[in-house]
Protein backbone atom coordinates (compact mmCIF):
# COMPACT_ATOMS: atom_id res chain seq x y z
CA MET A 1 139.30 56.99 239.36
CA SER A 2 137.25 58.81 236.78
CA SER A 3 136.41 56.63 233.74
CA ARG A 4 137.56 59.58 231.41
CA ARG A 5 140.90 59.91 233.09
CA ARG A 6 143.75 58.24 231.26
CA THR A 7 147.03 56.93 232.72
CA PRO A 8 150.31 58.00 231.02
CA SER A 9 150.89 54.59 229.59
CA ARG A 10 147.42 54.53 227.91
CA LEU A 11 148.03 57.99 226.55
CA ALA A 12 151.33 56.95 225.06
CA ALA A 13 149.63 53.88 223.57
CA SER A 14 146.94 56.08 222.08
CA ILE A 15 149.50 58.48 220.56
CA ALA A 16 151.41 55.46 219.14
CA ALA A 17 148.27 53.90 217.57
CA ALA A 18 147.14 57.17 216.01
CA ALA A 19 150.64 57.60 214.57
CA LEU A 20 150.52 54.05 213.24
CA LEU A 21 147.12 54.64 211.54
CA SER A 22 148.30 57.86 210.10
CA ALA A 23 151.39 56.27 208.62
CA LEU A 24 149.45 53.38 207.15
CA ALA A 25 146.97 55.80 205.55
CA ALA A 26 149.97 57.60 203.97
CA PHE A 27 150.83 54.23 202.14
CA PRO A 28 147.85 53.11 200.19
CA ALA A 29 147.78 49.43 199.24
CA THR A 30 147.68 50.32 195.48
CA SER A 31 148.51 53.20 193.36
CA VAL A 32 145.80 55.82 192.58
CA ALA A 33 145.19 54.56 189.03
CA GLY A 34 145.80 50.81 189.57
CA PRO A 35 143.44 48.14 190.82
CA THR A 36 143.08 47.37 194.52
CA LEU A 37 144.52 44.24 196.17
CA SER A 38 141.10 42.74 196.36
CA GLN A 39 140.43 43.20 192.66
CA LEU A 40 143.84 41.59 191.85
CA ASN A 41 143.12 38.59 194.10
CA GLN A 42 139.66 38.30 192.53
CA GLN A 43 141.19 38.42 189.02
CA LEU A 44 143.85 35.84 190.09
CA SER A 45 141.07 33.56 191.43
CA GLN A 46 139.27 33.97 188.03
CA GLN A 47 142.41 32.93 186.02
CA GLN A 48 142.95 30.00 188.32
CA ALA A 49 139.48 28.91 187.91
CA ARG A 50 139.80 29.25 184.10
CA GLN A 51 143.03 27.21 184.15
CA GLN A 52 141.28 24.49 186.05
CA GLN A 53 138.45 24.48 183.45
CA LEU A 54 141.00 24.43 180.57
CA GLN A 55 142.97 21.60 182.30
CA SER A 56 139.77 19.63 182.60
CA SER A 57 138.81 20.34 179.14
CA LEU A 58 142.29 19.23 177.90
CA GLY A 59 141.99 16.04 180.05
CA SER A 60 138.65 15.27 178.14
CA LEU A 61 140.30 16.12 174.84
CA SER A 62 143.26 13.81 175.71
CA ARG A 63 140.84 11.02 176.39
CA LEU A 64 139.08 11.64 173.04
CA ILE A 65 142.40 11.53 171.31
CA ALA A 66 143.27 8.28 173.05
CA SER A 67 139.98 6.80 171.92
CA LEU A 68 140.61 8.04 168.43
CA THR A 69 144.06 6.51 168.48
CA GLN A 70 142.48 3.15 169.34
CA GLN A 71 140.00 3.54 166.43
CA ILE A 72 142.87 4.43 164.18
CA THR A 73 144.66 1.27 165.32
CA LEU A 74 141.61 -0.81 164.62
CA VAL A 75 141.10 0.70 161.19
CA GLN A 76 144.68 0.25 160.28
CA THR A 77 144.49 -3.45 161.37
CA ARG A 78 141.37 -3.87 159.35
CA GLU A 79 143.13 -1.91 156.37
CA ALA A 80 146.01 -4.35 156.50
CA ALA A 81 143.65 -7.39 156.50
CA VAL A 82 141.69 -5.82 153.53
CA ASN A 83 144.83 -5.15 151.69
CA GLN A 84 145.91 -8.66 152.18
CA GLN A 85 142.55 -9.88 150.93
CA LEU A 86 142.75 -7.51 147.95
CA ALA A 87 146.13 -9.00 147.15
CA GLN A 88 144.76 -12.49 147.26
CA ASP A 89 141.74 -11.49 145.17
CA ARG A 90 144.05 -9.86 142.63
CA ALA A 91 146.10 -13.04 142.53
CA ALA A 92 142.96 -15.07 142.10
CA LEU A 93 141.70 -12.70 139.45
CA ALA A 94 144.94 -13.07 137.58
CA ALA A 95 144.68 -16.90 137.81
CA THR A 96 141.11 -16.73 136.82
CA LYS A 97 142.03 -14.70 133.67
CA ALA A 98 144.60 -17.27 132.78
CA GLN A 99 142.07 -20.09 133.19
CA LEU A 100 139.61 -18.12 131.21
CA GLU A 101 142.03 -17.76 128.36
CA ARG A 102 142.83 -21.49 128.39
CA GLN A 103 139.21 -22.43 128.48
CA ARG A 104 138.53 -20.16 125.64
CA ARG A 105 141.40 -21.80 123.66
CA LEU A 106 140.21 -25.26 124.52
CA LEU A 107 136.62 -24.30 123.63
CA VAL A 108 137.81 -23.27 120.22
CA VAL A 109 139.77 -26.60 119.76
CA LEU A 110 136.79 -28.57 120.88
CA ARG A 111 134.45 -26.93 118.69
CA ALA A 112 136.66 -27.36 115.72
CA ARG A 113 136.99 -31.09 116.78
CA LEU A 114 133.27 -31.29 117.02
CA ALA A 115 132.93 -29.77 113.52
CA ARG A 116 135.35 -32.23 111.97
CA GLY A 117 133.60 -35.22 113.79
CA ARG A 118 130.24 -34.02 112.61
CA ARG A 119 131.60 -33.74 109.05
CA LEU A 120 133.19 -37.16 109.10
CA LEU A 121 129.95 -38.64 110.44
CA SER A 122 128.08 -36.91 107.82
CA SER A 123 130.30 -38.15 105.08
CA GLN A 124 130.23 -41.58 106.39
CA LEU A 125 126.47 -41.78 106.46
CA VAL A 126 126.27 -40.32 102.93
CA SER A 127 128.85 -42.98 101.70
CA ASN A 128 126.80 -45.77 103.47
CA TYR A 129 123.63 -44.46 102.00
CA GLU A 130 125.08 -44.28 98.42
CA ALA A 131 127.05 -47.58 98.60
CA GLY A 132 124.53 -49.50 100.54
CA SER A 133 125.09 -51.31 103.83
CA PRO A 134 127.22 -54.49 103.11
CA ASP A 135 126.23 -57.53 105.14
CA LEU A 136 127.76 -60.94 105.86
CA LEU A 137 125.76 -62.89 103.37
CA SER A 138 126.68 -60.70 100.43
CA ALA A 139 130.34 -60.88 101.47
CA ILE A 140 130.21 -64.77 101.29
CA LEU A 141 128.55 -64.88 97.99
CA GLU A 142 130.80 -62.30 96.36
CA SER A 143 134.13 -63.76 97.78
CA ASN A 144 136.47 -66.02 95.74
CA GLY A 145 137.93 -68.16 98.23
CA PHE A 146 138.33 -68.24 102.03
CA THR A 147 141.07 -65.75 101.98
CA GLN A 148 139.07 -62.98 100.23
CA LEU A 149 136.12 -63.83 102.55
CA LEU A 150 138.23 -63.16 105.67
CA ASP A 151 139.42 -59.81 104.07
CA ARG A 152 135.92 -58.86 103.43
CA ILE A 153 134.81 -59.74 106.91
CA ASN A 154 137.76 -57.90 108.46
CA PHE A 155 136.97 -54.79 106.24
CA LEU A 156 133.41 -54.82 107.37
CA ASN A 157 134.41 -55.03 111.13
CA ASP A 158 137.01 -52.22 110.68
CA ALA A 159 134.47 -50.01 108.96
CA GLU A 160 132.00 -50.70 111.73
CA HIS A 161 134.49 -49.89 114.50
CA GLN A 162 135.64 -46.66 112.69
CA GLN A 163 132.13 -45.58 112.41
CA GLN A 164 131.57 -46.23 116.15
CA ARG A 165 134.78 -44.37 116.95
CA ILE A 166 133.67 -41.42 114.86
CA ILE A 167 130.41 -41.37 116.65
CA ALA A 168 132.05 -41.67 120.06
CA VAL A 169 134.65 -38.92 119.34
CA THR A 170 131.80 -36.65 118.07
CA LYS A 171 129.77 -37.19 121.38
CA ARG A 172 132.88 -36.64 123.50
CA ALA A 173 133.81 -33.52 121.63
CA LYS A 174 130.39 -32.08 122.10
CA ALA A 175 130.30 -32.95 125.78
CA LEU A 176 133.77 -31.32 126.32
CA ALA A 177 132.61 -28.22 124.36
CA THR A 178 129.44 -27.97 126.53
CA ALA A 179 131.54 -28.39 129.77
CA ALA A 180 133.98 -25.75 128.56
CA ALA A 181 131.21 -23.29 127.79
CA ILE A 182 129.76 -23.77 131.26
CA ARG A 183 133.20 -23.35 133.00
CA LEU A 184 133.83 -20.20 131.03
CA ALA A 185 130.42 -18.69 132.05
CA LYS A 186 131.38 -19.51 135.81
CA LEU A 187 134.75 -17.96 135.38
CA GLN A 188 133.34 -14.84 133.85
CA ASN A 189 130.89 -14.46 136.82
CA ARG A 190 133.71 -15.11 139.34
CA GLN A 191 135.78 -12.55 137.75
CA GLN A 192 133.08 -10.01 137.78
CA GLY A 193 132.38 -10.69 141.51
CA ILE A 194 136.13 -10.36 142.53
CA THR A 195 136.15 -7.02 140.64
CA ASN A 196 133.08 -5.66 142.34
CA ALA A 197 134.29 -6.78 145.77
CA ALA A 198 137.62 -5.01 145.21
CA ALA A 199 135.97 -1.89 144.14
CA VAL A 200 133.63 -1.96 147.32
CA GLU A 201 136.49 -2.55 149.65
CA ALA A 202 138.57 0.21 147.99
CA ARG A 203 135.73 2.78 148.48
CA ALA A 204 135.20 1.73 152.16
CA LEU A 205 138.95 2.19 152.94
CA ALA A 206 138.88 5.61 151.35
CA GLY A 207 135.86 6.73 153.28
CA MET A 208 137.43 5.45 156.60
CA ASN A 209 140.79 7.10 155.98
CA LEU A 210 138.96 10.48 155.15
CA LEU A 211 136.86 10.22 158.33
CA LEU A 212 139.91 9.54 160.55
CA HIS A 213 142.00 12.29 159.10
CA SER A 214 139.29 14.86 159.51
CA LYS A 215 138.72 13.68 163.10
CA GLN A 216 142.37 13.93 163.87
CA ALA A 217 142.76 17.39 162.23
CA ALA A 218 139.72 18.66 164.43
CA LEU A 219 141.12 17.32 167.60
CA ASP A 220 144.64 18.66 166.93
CA GLN A 221 143.15 22.05 166.26
CA ALA A 222 141.07 22.08 169.37
CA GLN A 223 144.02 20.86 171.47
CA ALA A 224 146.23 23.66 170.15
CA ALA A 225 143.60 26.31 170.86
CA GLN A 226 143.03 25.09 174.45
CA ARG A 227 146.82 24.84 175.06
CA ALA A 228 147.29 28.41 173.82
CA ALA A 229 144.45 29.59 176.03
CA LEU A 230 145.91 27.84 179.03
CA ALA A 231 149.41 29.32 178.49
CA SER A 232 147.72 32.81 178.07
CA SER A 233 145.89 32.30 181.45
CA GLN A 234 149.05 31.10 183.14
CA THR A 235 150.86 34.13 181.82
CA ARG A 236 148.14 36.59 183.03
CA ALA A 237 148.11 34.79 186.53
CA SER A 238 151.78 35.14 186.77
CA GLN A 239 151.48 38.89 186.08
CA LEU A 240 148.72 39.15 188.67
CA GLN A 241 150.84 37.26 191.23
CA GLY A 242 153.68 39.62 190.57
CA GLU A 243 151.41 42.56 191.07
CA ILE A 244 150.04 41.21 194.26
CA SER A 245 153.51 40.40 195.62
CA GLN A 246 154.52 44.01 194.84
CA ILE A 247 151.54 45.55 196.56
CA GLN A 248 152.08 43.22 199.59
CA ALA A 249 155.68 44.26 199.69
CA GLN A 250 154.52 47.83 199.70
CA GLN A 251 152.12 47.28 202.48
CA ALA A 252 154.77 45.44 204.53
CA ALA A 253 157.12 48.39 203.96
CA ALA A 254 154.43 50.83 204.94
CA ALA A 255 153.59 48.88 207.96
CA GLN A 256 157.24 48.78 209.01
CA ALA A 257 157.79 52.44 208.48
CA ALA A 258 154.50 53.14 210.46
CA ALA A 259 155.64 50.92 213.19
CA GLN A 260 158.98 52.75 213.45
CA GLN A 261 157.19 56.05 213.25
CA ALA A 262 154.87 54.99 216.02
CA ALA A 263 157.70 53.68 218.07
CA ALA A 264 159.50 56.99 217.67
CA GLN A 265 156.40 58.95 218.67
CA GLN A 266 155.77 56.65 221.49
CA SER A 267 159.28 57.13 222.76
CA SER A 268 158.97 60.85 222.48
CA SER A 269 155.77 60.76 224.26
CA GLN A 270 157.01 58.64 227.02
CA GLN A 271 159.70 61.25 227.65
CA LEU A 272 157.02 63.88 228.19
CA VAL A 273 154.73 61.78 230.63
CA PRO A 274 155.45 59.59 233.54
CA GLN A 275 155.96 55.95 232.74
CA SER A 276 153.51 53.43 233.97
CA PRO A 277 155.16 50.71 235.98
CA VAL A 278 153.47 47.98 234.00
CA ALA A 279 153.55 48.02 230.16
CA SER A 280 151.77 45.44 227.93
CA THR A 281 153.72 44.14 224.83
CA SER A 282 150.60 42.59 223.22
CA PRO A 283 147.90 45.34 222.85
CA ALA A 284 144.30 44.20 223.19
CA PRO A 285 142.00 43.78 220.11
CA THR A 286 140.57 47.21 218.79
CA ASN A 287 138.08 48.63 216.62
CA GLY A 288 135.79 45.66 216.57
CA TRP A 289 138.63 43.17 215.63
CA ALA A 290 139.64 40.02 217.41
CA ILE A 291 143.42 41.09 217.14
CA PRO A 292 144.96 44.44 217.12
CA TYR A 293 143.81 46.58 214.13
CA ALA A 294 147.41 47.37 213.11
CA ILE A 295 147.93 43.64 212.38
CA VAL A 296 144.70 43.49 210.49
CA LEU A 297 145.68 46.49 208.24
CA CYS A 298 149.02 44.96 207.63
CA GLU A 299 147.67 41.50 206.87
CA SER A 300 144.52 42.22 204.71
CA GLY A 301 143.87 45.86 204.82
CA GLY A 302 140.68 45.01 206.59
CA GLN A 303 139.25 43.21 203.53
CA ASN A 304 137.95 39.47 203.20
CA LEU A 305 140.71 38.39 200.74
CA PRO A 306 140.62 35.13 198.76
CA PRO A 307 143.50 32.65 199.22
CA ASN A 308 146.98 33.91 198.33
CA SER A 309 149.80 31.79 197.13
CA ALA A 310 150.47 30.37 200.58
CA GLY A 311 146.69 29.55 201.05
CA ALA A 312 146.01 32.29 203.61
CA SER A 313 142.56 34.00 203.29
CA GLY A 314 139.95 36.12 205.05
CA TYR A 315 140.19 39.15 207.13
CA TYR A 316 142.91 37.69 209.35
CA GLN A 317 144.81 35.81 206.53
CA ILE A 318 144.43 32.40 208.21
CA ILE A 319 145.77 29.27 206.47
CA PRO A 320 143.47 26.30 206.06
CA SER A 321 145.38 24.02 208.54
CA THR A 322 145.21 26.71 211.32
CA TRP A 323 141.72 27.58 210.39
CA ARG A 324 140.57 23.88 210.99
CA LEU A 325 142.88 23.45 214.02
CA PHE A 326 141.09 26.28 215.86
CA GLY A 327 137.54 25.16 214.99
CA GLY A 328 136.83 26.94 211.75
CA THR A 329 134.21 25.37 209.41
CA GLY A 330 134.47 25.07 205.70
CA PRO A 331 137.62 24.61 203.60
CA ALA A 332 138.98 28.17 204.00
CA ALA A 333 138.47 31.24 206.19
CA TYR A 334 137.27 33.69 203.55
CA LEU A 335 134.27 31.53 202.88
CA ALA A 336 133.05 31.91 206.54
CA SER A 337 131.25 34.98 208.01
CA LYS A 338 133.14 37.72 209.65
CA ALA A 339 131.64 36.65 213.08
CA GLU A 340 133.17 33.20 212.73
CA GLN A 341 136.48 34.53 211.59
CA ASP A 342 136.44 36.80 214.59
CA ALA A 343 135.92 33.94 216.92
CA VAL A 344 138.62 31.73 215.27
CA ALA A 345 141.06 34.68 215.31
CA ALA A 346 140.34 35.32 218.92
CA ARG A 347 141.11 31.70 219.88
CA ILE A 348 144.40 31.94 217.91
CA TRP A 349 145.35 35.31 219.51
CA ASP A 350 144.65 33.92 223.00
CA GLY A 351 145.12 37.16 224.68
CA GLY A 352 148.38 37.94 222.83
CA ALA A 353 149.94 34.49 223.39
CA GLY A 354 149.35 33.54 219.76
CA ALA A 355 150.59 36.73 218.20
CA SER A 356 153.44 34.83 216.51
CA ASN A 357 150.91 33.32 214.28
CA TRP A 358 150.81 36.53 212.31
CA VAL A 359 153.99 37.69 210.55
CA CYS A 360 152.71 41.39 210.58
CA ALA A 361 152.71 41.26 214.49
CA SER A 362 156.59 41.59 214.45
CA ILE A 363 156.52 44.01 211.57
CA VAL A 364 154.27 46.40 213.39
CA GLY A 365 156.19 45.87 216.67
CA ILE A 366 153.61 43.77 218.45
CA HIS A 367 155.11 40.64 219.99
């Protein structure tokens, strides 16, 4: 048999394949003005990568916000403690002011008492100087009788005691006045210290509150911007997914129409030529592909596509679990070379026994 001679069954298959390719060519994957399926998948992958970046950034931002919340809690705890200390300081300041007023009034009284004591002592000294200092001998000589002598002696004792009391009162008044002046100076210093400490604490709290509020406002603004960007990316990804689904539906419809047209032409051709006693339901791989080219056109259009919503990728649209099961390397098919994808697809096809692994096999009429 000549190598150029074709059997009737092969002639019918050739006519059907030509009809299928013609029909698929009549239904392009996209509109003339629109992007291709590959471009849409690429844009979708970019949006998904951007969403991952934004979600990672939002996660970092959430951790920063959580850290800031802890800082705010610590500062608020510190602020409560400082406010309590300030209240105690104010109470102590009020008590100090009251003590200060009492000491000032006491100092005035003591100084007046000291002045009176000094005047009394001065007048007593002048009187003693002018009258002379009486003694016991002169009192005896000048007394008329024992009774008068006793009176004179008692008078002398009383005068001496009074003089000693005046001196003691004067000394005590001076000591009290000196102590009051010292306490007054200490109270004034304490009052100034409490006032200064309260002012420093108030300024520190104002600074901490301002810093926390500015940080919180900045983080809220950044979080709102990233959430808006994430929502925009998700909306765009949804639009791209819709466009991809629409194109895939158009491709499936085109493939089905092509299969029907090919089946009709094959049926017509079989009526014109003798039938072969043996017909194959699973055509062999063609055009350098590991599976029939009609399935390739239906699945990927002959392009190395990134993963779709189901995870299928590459020239043969193989999902990751099937890719690994049949010996594929790497996480996904589209990341491998075409030679490796051809080898894995050939193992899956298994001479036509694995045709059911491709949905398009039934669409284009290959079972």
